[in-house]
Structure formats: structure tokens, C-alpha cells
């Protein structure tokens, strides 16, 4: 299973989505000008 290329691709994609999600939550929690400018862009990256 770990040598299956599709499994590796899906696992990598999940990790990327998780990283973007955590980045978005952190920027939302911090607030400020960065969040106002980039909130929609970060949400589009997750989709």
C-alpha cells in the first residue's frame, strides 16, 4: 500500500490541504491587514 503511487499522491494532497487550512486558521485568528487582503485567496487554495 505504501508503494502505491496513487496512495502517495492522495497522502501528499491531504498534507498540502491540511497545511493550507492551518495557515488560513492562523491568519484568521491573528486578523489584521494580511487577513483582510488574503482571506478569500487562501480559501480558494483549499478548494
C-alpha atoms as a PDB file:
ATOM      1  CA  UNK A   1       0.000   0.000   0.000  1.00  0.00           C
ATOM      2  CA  UNK A   2       2.762   2.480   0.817  1.00  0.00           C
ATOM      3  CA  UNK A   3       4.428   1.825  -2.529  1.00  0.00           C
ATOM      4  CA  UNK A   4       1.235   2.566  -4.483  1.00  0.00           C
ATOM      5  CA  UNK A   5       1.722   5.872  -6.376  1.00  0.00           C
ATOM      6  CA  UNK A   6      -1.941   6.838  -6.071  1.00  0.00           C
ATOM      7  CA  UNK A   7      -1.815   6.420  -2.289  1.00  0.00           C
ATOM      8  CA  UNK A   8       1.289   8.604  -2.120  1.00  0.00           C
ATOM      9  CA  UNK A   9      -0.338  11.263  -4.298  1.00  0.00           C
ATOM     10  CA  UNK A  10      -3.507  11.327  -2.186  1.00  0.00           C
ATOM     11  CA  UNK A  11      -1.489  11.442   1.049  1.00  0.00           C
ATOM     12  CA  UNK A  12       0.605  14.349  -0.267  1.00  0.00           C
ATOM     13  CA  UNK A  13      -2.531  16.196  -1.402  1.00  0.00           C
ATOM     14  CA  UNK A  14      -4.104  15.741   2.046  1.00  0.00           C
ATOM     15  CA  UNK A  15      -0.994  17.122   3.730  1.00  0.00           C
ATOM     16  CA  UNK A  16      -0.979  20.161   1.433  1.00  0.00           C
ATOM     17  CA  UNK A  17      -4.658  20.845   2.161  1.00  0.00           C
ATOM     18  CA  UNK A  18      -4.010  20.476   5.897  1.00  0.00           C
ATOM     19  CA  UNK A  19      -1.097  22.921   5.730  1.00  0.00           C
ATOM     20  CA  UNK A  20      -3.189  25.489   3.835  1.00  0.00           C
ATOM     21  CA  UNK A  21      -6.065  25.014   6.287  1.00  0.00           C
ATOM     22  CA  UNK A  22      -3.812  25.589   9.293  1.00  0.00           C
ATOM     23  CA  UNK A  23      -2.271  28.634   7.600  1.00  0.00           C
ATOM     24  CA  UNK A  24      -5.741  30.054   6.948  1.00  0.00           C
ATOM     25  CA  UNK A  25      -6.898  29.449  10.518  1.00  0.00           C
ATOM     26  CA  UNK A  26      -3.745  31.061  11.903  1.00  0.00           C
ATOM     27  CA  UNK A  27      -4.105  34.139   9.703  1.00  0.00           C
ATOM     28  CA  UNK A  28      -7.797  34.398  10.593  1.00  0.00           C
ATOM     29  CA  UNK A  29      -7.008  34.159  14.310  1.00  0.00           C
ATOM     30  CA  UNK A  30      -4.320  36.817  14.046  1.00  0.00           C
ATOM     31  CA  UNK A  31      -6.536  39.092  11.959  1.00  0.00           C
ATOM     32  CA  UNK A  32      -5.218  42.373  10.701  1.00  0.00           C
ATOM     33  CA  UNK A  33      -4.497  43.680   7.230  1.00  0.00           C
ATOM     34  CA  UNK A  34      -2.965  40.434   5.922  1.00  0.00           C
ATOM     35  CA  UNK A  35      -6.154  38.513   6.678  1.00  0.00           C
ATOM     36  CA  UNK A  36      -8.335  41.169   5.033  1.00  0.00           C
ATOM     37  CA  UNK A  37      -6.265  41.079   1.837  1.00  0.00           C
ATOM     38  CA  UNK A  38      -5.745  37.316   1.566  1.00  0.00           C
ATOM     39  CA  UNK A  39      -8.660  35.501   3.254  1.00  0.00           C
ATOM     40  CA  UNK A  40     -10.501  34.710   0.007  1.00  0.00           C
ATOM     41  CA  UNK A  41      -7.313  33.705  -1.793  1.00  0.00           C
ATOM     42  CA  UNK A  42      -6.375  31.260   0.968  1.00  0.00           C
ATOM     43  CA  UNK A  43      -9.890  29.778   0.868  1.00  0.00           C
ATOM     44  CA  UNK A  44      -9.610  29.276  -2.902  1.00  0.00           C
ATOM     45  CA  UNK A  45      -6.305  27.429  -2.432  1.00  0.00           C
ATOM     46  CA  UNK A  46      -8.097  24.911  -0.202  1.00  0.00           C
ATOM     47  CA  UNK A  47     -10.714  24.251  -2.850  1.00  0.00           C
END
